[in-house]
Amino acid sequence: MFEELAEAAQRSRGAAAIGGWARVENAAAARRLSAMADLLASKLADEDSAERDQWCLDNWDAVSAEVAAWQQVSIGVASNELLDAWMLRERLPRVAQVFASGAVNYRVVRSVVKRTRLVSDPEAMAKIDIEIAAQITDWGPLAKAKQEAAIDYWVDRYDPAAVVRAEAAARSRHVDVTPAADGSGTCFVEAVLHGHDGEVLDRRLDEIAQSVCEADPRTLDQRRADAMRAMAEKWDRLPCLCGAEECVTRPRPTGSIVVHVIAEEASLTDQTPVALHGARPEPVKSEPEKSEPEKPGSTALLVPPPAIVLGGGLVPGPVVAATLAQTATIRPLIHPGESPPEPRYVPSAKLADFVRCRDMTCRFPGCDVPAYACDLDHMIPYPVGPTQASNLASLCRKHHLLKTFWGWRGVQSPDGAVVWTAPGGQTFTTHPGSRILFPALCRPTAPVVVPPSRRVAATDTPPGLGPSGLGMPRRTETRAQGRVRRIAEQRAENEAVLELRDDDPPW
């Protein structure tokens, strides 16, 4: 089937080729998800899988980590796709067949998985699967709301208590902060709040924005944006930027939140003028100046290199000088060079800062947890492995446990590169996050001197036990038990709504 789709797409021309390759893409996505389900099924078939389901980092997490490494995505993305794959395998086999034919895309299939998640009766689930699979190709291009309504129709017909109700939107409350991808040093904040909470937030932003004097150069919108920082720092006002010494609102309150930013020294003293406040300046029209061609070898940077917020995005050099350099606590970062290992398990603050700034994020493939939210792991376990830069890597707690208990192995080079070997033998290489922007941090440090025999002995531990003999932390309930409990709770809420609906006129 897949080969036939690919051949048909190759024969197509013009707009028809777009549709042909879209079907190939759909079919490939279906096979990719099927491979994920195969991997999970294999893991669950292991003799000790029931025991590992009790682990804090269970079978599901272990498979998600492998999926994430192969796809170069985060473990969260991999886990969500694994859920879709498993639901198609276990609950929606006929929809999975339509998906594999290339007739529908992943977006539609994901909606089906999501809208049928509360169905608990196998017989009702089988009927819903049959009905949706028979009609899904006839829906055509539908808006999201209409698509969900088409799915909900069949869910309501066979299992009314399983319909995802509108009030579930309140349970989807969230706040996301996403760095802008354009290198501007800004970020996007997206939130879903209760309506009354949103009103309180709106009024509080206005209140803080009005706390400066009339000479402050910022617009109201800019002050409201800056008020977000003020609220996060628990300030009762916004520091005024009027520049007048006598302004009573000018002093900046003491902050309590620590944000780590890596910057070149030149970025802190840059004098490039920037217009960060007030209305957008009018473009200045001028005649282009005639200049002599630049001589070879005379190229110089017009602006200093950007800084980077650990866990965030880039901050242009001039913005660093105009904002952060005025108020931030500045600590020089010292490259350890050929320094010998430190004689202790916990690295010094100087060494820890270097490793985290070199790594920037968790060093597991696809993970972007900021380094300052990570553990510093000895790649060769201590005390065999020394406490030095070439044996320390930033690992988030989940991937730290994965390395310790699930058979992943990492070999680190003096330049910070780590070659990971999965339990199945596949290898993945990750490099420090500073390699592109701050390559000086990746200059080789003193190599680890450990005999190969001792290195193997240090990393060869029984499943479920760390090098120190400690066991994997355990769950209070398995993932499956938690899913059943949450479904039961949501169904109970829906059943209460159905009882009210049945009591409403006309009788």
Protein backbone atom coordinates (compact mmCIF):
# COMPACT_ATOMS: atom_id res chain seq x y z
CA MET A 1 0.00 0.00 0.00
CA PHE A 2 2.71 2.48 0.98
CA GLU A 3 4.75 1.74 -2.13
CA GLU A 4 1.65 2.27 -4.29
CA LEU A 5 1.02 5.66 -2.67
CA ALA A 6 4.63 6.72 -3.28
CA GLU A 7 4.50 5.60 -6.92
CA ALA A 8 1.23 7.47 -7.48
CA ALA A 9 2.71 10.63 -5.96
CA GLN A 10 5.78 10.37 -8.19
CA ARG A 11 3.57 10.14 -11.27
CA SER A 12 1.49 13.17 -10.24
CA ARG A 13 2.14 16.65 -11.52
CA GLY A 14 1.22 20.14 -10.35
CA ALA A 15 -1.24 20.49 -7.49
CA ALA A 16 -2.09 16.79 -7.70
CA ALA A 17 1.45 16.00 -6.57
CA ILE A 18 0.82 17.95 -3.36
CA GLY A 19 -2.15 15.75 -2.55
CA GLY A 20 -0.24 12.62 -3.50
CA TRP A 21 2.68 13.37 -1.24
CA ALA A 22 0.30 14.44 1.56
CA ARG A 23 -1.18 10.92 1.46
CA VAL A 24 2.33 9.45 1.55
CA GLU A 25 3.11 11.66 4.54
CA ASN A 26 -0.07 10.51 6.30
CA ALA A 27 0.73 6.86 5.67
CA ALA A 28 4.30 7.34 6.87
CA ALA A 29 3.06 9.01 10.07
CA ALA A 30 0.74 6.05 10.68
CA ARG A 31 3.63 3.61 10.31
CA ARG A 32 5.81 5.74 12.57
CA LEU A 33 3.17 5.61 15.31
CA SER A 34 2.71 1.88 14.74
CA ALA A 35 6.44 1.39 15.31
CA MET A 36 6.12 3.27 18.60
CA ALA A 37 3.30 0.97 19.68
CA ASP A 38 5.44 -2.05 18.72
CA LEU A 39 8.28 -0.78 20.92
CA LEU A 40 5.96 -0.25 23.88
CA ALA A 41 4.35 -3.67 23.41
CA SER A 42 7.80 -5.25 23.43
CA LYS A 43 8.71 -3.43 26.65
CA LEU A 44 5.45 -4.47 28.33
CA ALA A 45 6.06 -8.10 27.33
CA ASP A 46 9.29 -8.22 29.35
CA GLU A 47 9.23 -10.49 32.37
CA ASP A 48 9.72 -7.67 34.88
CA SER A 49 7.49 -5.07 33.18
CA ALA A 50 4.86 -5.17 35.95
CA GLU A 51 7.51 -4.32 38.51
CA ARG A 52 8.87 -1.50 36.34
CA ASP A 53 5.40 -0.01 35.97
CA GLN A 54 5.72 0.83 39.67
CA TRP A 55 8.91 2.81 39.07
CA CYS A 56 8.87 6.60 39.10
CA LEU A 57 10.42 6.38 35.63
CA ASP A 58 8.30 3.53 34.27
CA ASN A 59 8.11 1.51 31.04
CA TRP A 60 6.25 4.34 29.34
CA ASP A 61 8.96 6.87 30.19
CA ALA A 62 11.69 4.50 29.01
CA VAL A 63 10.01 4.03 25.63
CA SER A 64 9.27 7.76 25.36
CA ALA A 65 12.96 8.49 25.88
CA GLU A 66 13.95 6.20 23.00
CA VAL A 67 11.26 7.70 20.76
CA ALA A 68 12.44 11.20 21.66
CA ALA A 69 16.07 10.39 20.89
CA TRP A 70 15.25 8.89 17.49
CA GLN A 71 12.98 11.77 16.49
CA GLN A 72 15.11 14.52 18.07
CA VAL A 73 12.17 15.88 20.05
CA SER A 74 11.50 16.39 23.75
CA ILE A 75 10.33 13.50 25.89
CA GLY A 76 7.01 15.31 26.40
CA VAL A 77 6.32 15.42 22.65
CA ALA A 78 7.35 11.78 22.35
CA SER A 79 5.08 10.75 25.24
CA ASN A 80 2.06 12.46 23.67
CA GLU A 81 2.69 10.75 20.34
CA LEU A 82 3.18 7.42 22.10
CA LEU A 83 -0.23 7.86 23.72
CA ASP A 84 -1.80 8.42 20.30
CA ALA A 85 0.01 5.35 18.97
CA TRP A 86 -1.14 3.13 21.83
CA MET A 87 -4.76 4.32 21.68
CA LEU A 88 -4.85 3.60 17.95
CA ARG A 89 -3.45 0.14 18.59
CA GLU A 90 -5.65 -0.77 21.56
CA ARG A 91 -8.88 1.22 21.08
CA LEU A 92 -9.15 2.49 17.50
CA PRO A 93 -7.78 -0.23 15.19
CA ARG A 94 -10.14 0.60 12.31
CA VAL A 95 -9.34 4.30 12.45
CA ALA A 96 -5.68 3.24 12.45
CA GLN A 97 -6.27 1.31 9.22
CA VAL A 98 -7.76 4.39 7.54
CA PHE A 99 -4.80 6.43 8.79
CA ALA A 100 -2.35 3.87 7.37
CA SER A 101 -4.05 4.16 3.97
CA GLY A 102 -3.08 7.85 3.87
CA ALA A 103 -6.69 9.00 3.60
CA VAL A 104 -6.61 11.17 6.75
CA ASN A 105 -3.90 13.20 8.42
CA TYR A 106 -2.43 13.02 11.90
CA ARG A 107 -4.30 16.13 13.06
CA VAL A 108 -7.67 14.47 12.46
CA VAL A 109 -6.55 11.19 14.04
CA ARG A 110 -5.27 13.01 17.11
CA SER A 111 -8.67 14.67 17.52
CA VAL A 112 -10.35 11.25 17.41
CA VAL A 113 -8.01 9.91 20.08
CA LYS A 114 -8.56 12.97 22.26
CA ARG A 115 -12.36 13.11 21.96
CA THR A 116 -12.84 9.39 22.64
CA ARG A 117 -10.50 9.18 25.64
CA LEU A 118 -13.29 8.95 28.24
CA VAL A 119 -15.00 5.91 26.68
CA SER A 120 -14.54 3.07 29.17
CA ASP A 121 -16.81 0.32 27.81
CA PRO A 122 -14.97 -1.87 25.23
CA GLU A 123 -18.16 -2.65 23.31
CA ALA A 124 -19.08 1.04 23.00
CA MET A 125 -15.51 1.85 21.99
CA ALA A 126 -15.60 -0.78 19.24
CA LYS A 127 -18.85 0.66 17.83
CA ILE A 128 -17.50 4.21 17.87
CA ASP A 129 -14.34 3.03 16.13
CA ILE A 130 -16.39 1.36 13.36
CA GLU A 131 -18.66 4.36 12.82
CA ILE A 132 -15.90 6.98 12.73
CA ALA A 133 -13.65 4.86 10.48
CA ALA A 134 -16.54 4.45 8.02
CA GLN A 135 -17.19 8.19 7.76
CA ILE A 136 -13.95 9.99 8.55
CA THR A 137 -12.82 10.12 4.92
CA ASP A 138 -16.09 11.82 3.91
CA TRP A 139 -15.75 14.69 6.37
CA GLY A 140 -13.50 16.69 4.08
CA PRO A 141 -11.68 19.76 5.39
CA LEU A 142 -13.49 20.77 8.58
CA ALA A 143 -12.74 23.50 11.09
CA LYS A 144 -11.63 22.17 14.45
CA ALA A 145 -14.99 22.80 16.16
CA LYS A 146 -16.94 21.02 13.40
CA GLN A 147 -14.48 18.14 13.39
CA GLU A 148 -14.87 17.68 17.14
CA ALA A 149 -18.65 17.88 16.81
CA ALA A 150 -18.60 15.07 14.23
CA ILE A 151 -16.60 12.87 16.60
CA ASP A 152 -18.71 13.80 19.63
CA TYR A 153 -21.89 12.77 17.77
CA TRP A 154 -20.84 9.12 17.79
CA VAL A 155 -19.45 9.26 21.30
CA ASP A 156 -22.73 10.72 22.57
CA ARG A 157 -24.72 8.06 20.71
CA TYR A 158 -22.95 5.07 22.27
CA ASP A 159 -21.55 6.47 25.54
CA PRO A 160 -23.03 9.87 26.50
CA ALA A 161 -20.99 10.07 29.71
CA ALA A 162 -17.79 10.02 27.64
CA VAL A 163 -18.41 13.25 25.71
CA VAL A 164 -15.74 15.83 26.52
CA ARG A 165 -17.85 18.69 27.89
CA ALA A 166 -17.24 22.39 27.40
CA GLU A 167 -16.53 22.86 31.11
CA ALA A 168 -13.36 20.84 30.58
CA ALA A 169 -11.88 24.06 29.18
CA ALA A 170 -11.51 25.27 32.75
CA ARG A 171 -9.33 22.26 33.44
CA SER A 172 -7.07 23.23 30.55
CA ARG A 173 -5.92 26.40 32.30
CA HIS A 174 -2.26 27.09 31.62
CA VAL A 175 0.37 29.77 31.19
CA ASP A 176 3.10 29.28 28.58
CA VAL A 177 6.15 31.50 28.10
CA THR A 178 7.85 30.94 24.73
CA PRO A 179 11.02 32.77 23.63
CA ALA A 180 10.68 34.55 20.29
CA ALA A 181 12.50 32.74 17.51
CA ASP A 182 13.62 35.94 15.77
CA GLY A 183 16.51 36.72 18.14
CA SER A 184 14.83 39.92 19.38
CA GLY A 185 15.23 39.03 23.05
CA THR A 186 11.46 39.04 23.60
CA CYS A 187 9.05 36.24 24.43
CA PHE A 188 5.40 35.36 23.97
CA VAL A 189 3.08 34.75 26.93
CA GLU A 190 -0.06 32.71 26.30
CA ALA A 191 -2.53 31.91 29.06
CA VAL A 192 -5.95 30.41 29.68
CA LEU A 193 -7.39 31.64 33.00
CA HIS A 194 -10.73 31.74 34.75
CA GLY A 195 -12.59 34.81 33.50
CA HIS A 196 -12.58 36.49 36.91
CA ASP A 197 -8.86 35.80 37.35
CA GLY A 198 -8.20 37.38 33.97
CA GLU A 199 -10.10 40.49 35.03
CA VAL A 200 -8.03 40.75 38.22
CA LEU A 201 -4.82 40.38 36.19
CA ASP A 202 -5.92 43.02 33.69
CA ARG A 203 -6.67 45.57 36.41
CA ARG A 204 -3.47 44.84 38.32
CA LEU A 205 -1.37 45.35 35.18
CA ASP A 206 -3.01 48.75 34.67
CA GLU A 207 -2.46 49.66 38.32
CA ILE A 208 1.26 48.85 38.24
CA ALA A 209 1.68 50.48 34.81
CA GLN A 210 0.33 53.76 36.24
CA SER A 211 2.79 53.78 39.17
CA VAL A 212 5.49 55.77 37.31
CA CYS A 213 5.71 59.51 36.77
CA GLU A 214 4.48 61.26 33.62
CA ALA A 215 8.02 61.60 32.24
CA ASP A 216 8.50 57.84 31.87
CA PRO A 217 9.25 57.28 28.14
CA ARG A 218 7.31 54.02 27.77
CA THR A 219 3.86 53.65 26.27
CA LEU A 220 1.04 52.16 28.34
CA ASP A 221 1.35 48.85 26.50
CA GLN A 222 5.09 48.74 27.20
CA ARG A 223 4.53 49.51 30.88
CA ARG A 224 1.88 46.79 31.13
CA ALA A 225 4.35 44.34 29.63
CA ASP A 226 7.05 45.43 32.11
CA ALA A 227 4.50 45.10 34.91
CA MET A 228 4.55 41.33 34.37
CA ARG A 229 8.14 41.34 35.65
CA ALA A 230 7.14 43.56 38.56
CA MET A 231 4.42 41.10 39.62
CA ALA A 232 6.79 38.15 39.29
CA GLU A 233 9.30 39.93 41.55
CA LYS A 234 6.49 40.86 44.01
CA TRP A 235 7.16 44.57 43.51
CA ASP A 236 4.37 46.98 44.41
CA ARG A 237 5.33 49.42 41.65
CA LEU A 238 7.20 49.77 38.39
CA PRO A 239 10.66 51.40 38.46
CA CYS A 240 10.43 54.69 36.58
CA LEU A 241 12.72 55.29 33.60
CA CYS A 242 12.41 59.08 33.48
CA GLY A 243 16.07 59.48 34.48
CA ALA A 244 15.43 62.25 37.00
CA GLU A 245 17.40 61.84 40.23
CA GLU A 246 14.60 63.39 42.30
CA CYS A 247 11.88 61.03 40.96
CA VAL A 248 10.39 59.18 43.93
CA THR A 249 9.38 56.19 41.78
CA ARG A 250 12.79 55.78 40.15
CA PRO A 251 14.63 53.41 42.58
CA ARG A 252 14.34 49.77 41.56
CA PRO A 253 13.00 47.43 44.27
CA THR A 254 15.13 44.46 45.23
CA GLY A 255 14.43 41.42 43.05
CA SER A 256 14.00 37.87 44.30
CA ILE A 257 14.00 35.85 41.07
CA VAL A 258 17.30 34.66 39.59
CA VAL A 259 17.65 34.40 35.80
CA HIS A 260 20.96 33.25 34.34
CA VAL A 261 22.24 35.00 31.21
CA ILE A 262 25.50 34.23 29.38
CA ALA A 263 27.10 37.17 27.59
CA GLU A 264 30.45 38.20 26.16
CA GLU A 265 32.16 41.01 28.07
CA ALA A 266 31.84 43.26 25.02
CA SER A 267 28.06 42.99 25.18
CA LEU A 268 27.99 44.51 28.67
CA THR A 269 29.71 47.75 27.66
CA ASP A 270 28.32 48.22 24.15
CA GLN A 271 27.38 51.80 23.26
CA THR A 272 25.16 51.03 20.25
CA PRO A 273 22.02 53.23 20.60
CA VAL A 274 18.75 51.34 20.91
CA ALA A 275 15.15 52.58 20.98
CA LEU A 276 13.38 50.27 23.41
CA HIS A 277 10.71 52.65 24.72
CA GLY A 278 8.05 54.94 23.32
CA ALA A 279 6.49 55.00 19.87
CA ARG A 280 8.16 53.42 16.88
CA PRO A 281 10.67 55.96 15.49
CA GLU A 282 10.13 57.24 11.97
CA PRO A 283 12.64 55.88 9.45
CA VAL A 284 15.30 58.40 8.49
CA LYS A 285 15.79 58.84 4.77
CA SER A 286 19.31 59.64 3.76
CA GLU A 287 21.50 59.35 0.73
CA PRO A 288 23.72 56.27 0.79
CA GLU A 289 27.28 57.17 1.66
CA LYS A 290 29.99 56.26 -0.76
CA SER A 291 32.65 54.19 0.84
CA GLU A 292 35.70 52.42 -0.38
CA PRO A 293 35.55 48.63 -0.69
CA GLU A 294 36.48 46.86 2.50
CA LYS A 295 39.96 45.45 2.43
CA PRO A 296 40.41 41.70 2.92
CA GLY A 297 41.00 40.78 6.53
CA SER A 298 39.48 44.02 7.88
CA THR A 299 36.05 42.61 8.68
CA ALA A 300 34.86 43.55 12.18
CA LEU A 301 31.63 42.95 14.04
CA LEU A 302 29.43 46.05 13.96
CA VAL A 303 27.59 44.95 17.12
CA PRO A 304 28.69 42.65 19.93
CA PRO A 305 27.50 39.04 19.94
CA PRO A 306 24.12 38.34 21.53
CA ALA A 307 23.64 36.96 25.01
CA ILE A 308 21.43 34.00 25.79
CA VAL A 309 19.01 33.41 28.65
CA LEU A 310 19.41 29.88 29.99
CA GLY A 311 16.05 28.30 29.32
CA GLY A 312 15.05 31.20 27.08
CA GLY A 313 16.16 32.83 23.88
CA LEU A 314 18.71 35.25 22.48
CA VAL A 315 19.13 38.81 23.72
CA PRO A 316 20.81 41.19 21.21
CA GLY A 317 24.09 42.67 22.45
CA PRO A 318 22.89 46.31 22.50
CA VAL A 319 19.82 45.28 24.52
CA VAL A 320 22.07 43.53 27.04
CA ALA A 321 24.04 46.72 27.57
CA ALA A 322 20.92 48.90 27.78
CA THR A 323 18.99 46.70 30.21
CA LEU A 324 20.64 43.76 31.95
CA ALA A 325 24.11 45.27 32.37
CA GLN A 326 22.65 48.17 34.34
CA THR A 327 21.18 46.11 37.17
CA ALA A 328 22.36 42.50 36.95
CA THR A 329 24.91 40.86 39.19
CA ILE A 330 27.85 40.03 36.90
CA ARG A 331 30.11 37.08 37.60
CA PRO A 332 33.02 36.18 35.32
CA LEU A 333 32.98 32.62 34.00
CA ILE A 334 36.33 30.87 34.35
CA HIS A 335 37.27 28.07 31.97
CA PRO A 336 38.90 25.30 34.08
CA GLY A 337 41.53 24.52 31.44
CA GLU A 338 43.77 21.69 32.63
CA SER A 339 42.72 22.01 36.27
CA PRO A 340 42.88 18.71 38.18
CA PRO A 341 39.75 17.04 39.59
CA GLU A 342 38.21 18.48 42.74
CA PRO A 343 38.56 16.23 45.82
CA ARG A 344 34.85 15.99 46.58
CA TYR A 345 31.53 14.72 45.19
CA VAL A 346 29.75 18.09 44.99
CA PRO A 347 31.52 20.43 42.53
CA SER A 348 32.52 23.89 43.64
CA ALA A 349 30.30 26.81 42.67
CA LYS A 350 32.88 27.92 40.09
CA LEU A 351 33.01 24.50 38.42
CA ALA A 352 29.22 24.05 38.59
CA ASP A 353 28.66 27.44 36.94
CA PHE A 354 31.07 26.56 34.15
CA VAL A 355 29.46 23.18 33.41
CA ARG A 356 25.94 24.62 33.40
CA CYS A 357 26.90 27.56 31.17
CA ARG A 358 28.78 25.22 28.83
CA ASP A 359 25.85 22.81 28.59
CA MET A 360 22.99 25.38 28.74
CA THR A 361 20.39 22.59 28.82
CA CYS A 362 19.99 18.95 29.81
CA ARG A 363 22.41 16.91 27.72
CA PHE A 364 20.06 14.06 26.86
CA PRO A 365 19.04 13.97 23.18
CA GLY A 366 16.13 16.31 22.48
CA CYS A 367 15.80 17.69 26.02
CA ASP A 368 15.72 21.46 26.57
CA VAL A 369 15.35 21.72 30.35
CA PRO A 370 17.58 24.65 31.42
CA ALA A 371 20.89 23.60 32.95
CA TYR A 372 20.22 25.50 36.18
CA ALA A 373 17.15 23.29 36.70
CA CYS A 374 19.25 20.14 36.17
CA ASP A 375 21.39 17.87 38.32
CA LEU A 376 25.13 17.78 37.67
CA ASP A 377 25.77 14.12 36.97
CA HIS A 378 29.10 12.31 37.05
CA MET A 379 29.07 10.51 33.69
CA ILE A 380 31.40 7.91 35.20
CA PRO A 381 29.82 7.48 38.64
CA TYR A 382 31.69 8.89 41.62
CA PRO A 383 34.04 7.95 43.27
CA VAL A 384 35.52 6.10 40.27
CA GLY A 385 34.65 9.02 38.05
CA PRO A 386 36.30 12.27 39.19
CA THR A 387 34.63 15.61 39.84
CA GLN A 388 35.89 17.59 36.86
CA ALA A 389 34.40 19.36 33.85
CA SER A 390 35.04 16.50 31.42
CA ASN A 391 33.10 14.08 33.66
CA LEU A 392 30.19 16.35 34.62
CA ALA A 393 27.07 16.94 32.54
CA SER A 394 23.75 18.64 33.17
CA LEU A 395 20.87 16.15 33.30
CA CYS A 396 17.28 16.88 34.23
CA ARG A 397 15.97 14.63 36.98
CA LYS A 398 14.02 12.42 34.57
CA HIS A 399 17.00 11.76 32.31
CA HIS A 400 19.31 11.42 35.30
CA LEU A 401 17.10 8.56 36.52
CA LEU A 402 16.95 7.16 33.00
CA LYS A 403 20.74 6.99 32.82
CA THR A 404 21.03 5.52 36.31
CA PHE A 405 18.33 2.85 36.14
CA TRP A 406 17.32 2.17 32.52
CA GLY A 407 20.59 1.14 30.89
CA TRP A 408 21.48 4.30 28.99
CA ARG A 409 25.23 4.97 28.92
CA GLY A 410 27.08 8.20 28.17
CA VAL A 411 30.73 8.75 27.27
CA GLN A 412 31.87 12.35 27.56
CA SER A 413 34.75 13.99 25.71
CA PRO A 414 36.97 16.79 27.06
CA ASP A 415 35.12 19.26 24.80
CA GLY A 416 31.81 18.36 26.45
CA ALA A 417 30.37 16.19 23.66
CA VAL A 418 28.47 13.15 24.96
CA VAL A 419 27.92 9.95 22.98
CA TRP A 420 24.82 8.23 24.33
CA THR A 421 24.20 4.51 23.88
CA ALA A 422 20.60 3.34 24.21
CA PRO A 423 19.74 -0.03 25.81
CA GLY A 424 19.30 -1.43 22.29
CA GLY A 425 22.80 -0.35 21.23
CA GLN A 426 21.91 2.69 19.10
CA THR A 427 24.11 5.74 19.63
CA PHE A 428 23.24 9.44 19.71
CA THR A 429 25.69 12.32 20.08
CA THR A 430 24.85 15.60 21.81
CA HIS A 431 27.03 18.70 22.01
CA PRO A 432 27.04 21.50 24.59
CA GLY A 433 24.53 24.24 23.90
CA SER A 434 27.30 26.84 23.96
CA ARG A 435 29.14 25.30 21.00
CA ILE A 436 27.73 27.79 18.45
CA LEU A 437 27.35 31.04 20.40
CA PHE A 438 30.17 30.70 22.91
CA PRO A 439 32.62 28.19 21.42
CA ALA A 440 35.35 29.20 23.88
CA LEU A 441 33.40 27.36 26.59
CA CYS A 442 33.88 24.13 24.61
CA ARG A 443 37.65 24.28 24.57
CA PRO A 444 38.83 20.89 25.86
CA THR A 445 39.33 20.54 29.59
CA ALA A 446 41.56 18.03 31.36
CA PRO A 447 40.61 14.49 30.22
CA VAL A 448 39.31 11.89 32.64
CA VAL A 449 41.99 9.42 33.68
CA VAL A 450 40.23 6.19 34.67
CA PRO A 451 41.38 2.67 33.69
CA PRO A 452 38.87 1.04 31.28
CA SER A 453 38.27 -1.86 33.68
CA ARG A 454 37.25 0.48 36.50
CA ARG A 455 35.15 2.58 34.11
CA VAL A 456 33.10 -0.50 33.08
CA ALA A 457 32.73 -1.67 36.67
CA ALA A 458 31.44 1.75 37.73
CA THR A 459 28.67 1.75 35.12
CA ASP A 460 27.74 -1.95 35.28
CA THR A 461 24.87 -2.06 37.78
CA PRO A 462 21.84 -4.38 38.09
CA PRO A 463 18.54 -3.14 36.59
CA GLY A 464 16.66 -0.95 39.03
CA LEU A 465 19.72 -0.21 41.16
CA GLY A 466 21.98 2.81 40.98
CA PRO A 467 25.75 2.66 41.43
CA SER A 468 25.33 3.30 45.16
CA GLY A 469 22.86 0.43 45.51
CA LEU A 470 19.85 2.73 45.88
CA GLY A 471 16.63 1.66 44.16
CA MET A 472 14.46 3.58 41.71
CA PRO A 473 11.89 5.86 43.43
CA ARG A 474 8.42 4.33 43.20
CA ARG A 475 4.99 5.64 42.22
CA THR A 476 1.99 5.79 44.54
CA GLU A 477 -0.10 4.48 41.62
CA THR A 478 0.84 3.17 38.19
CA ARG A 479 0.32 5.28 35.09
CA ALA A 480 -2.56 3.00 34.00
CA GLN A 481 -4.24 3.26 37.41
CA GLY A 482 -3.96 7.04 37.30
CA ARG A 483 -5.50 7.17 33.83
CA VAL A 484 -8.43 4.97 34.91
CA ARG A 485 -8.99 7.14 37.99
CA ARG A 486 -9.00 10.40 36.01
CA ILE A 487 -11.40 8.97 33.43
CA ALA A 488 -13.75 7.80 36.19
CA GLU A 489 -13.69 11.27 37.78
CA GLN A 490 -14.51 13.03 34.51
CA ARG A 491 -17.23 10.51 33.66
CA ALA A 492 -18.82 11.10 37.07
CA GLU A 493 -18.96 14.83 36.34
CA ASN A 494 -20.50 14.15 32.93
CA GLU A 495 -23.10 11.79 34.38
CA ALA A 496 -24.20 14.53 36.78
CA VAL A 497 -24.67 16.86 33.81
CA LEU A 498 -26.66 14.19 31.95
CA GLU A 499 -29.00 13.76 34.92
CA LEU A 500 -29.74 17.48 34.87
CA ARG A 501 -30.29 17.34 31.10
CA ASP A 502 -32.78 14.48 31.51
CA ASP A 503 -34.70 16.47 34.13
CA ASP A 504 -35.09 19.52 31.90
CA PRO A 505 -38.37 20.06 29.99
CA PRO A 506 -39.92 18.98 27.75
CA TRP A 507 -40.56 15.66 29.44
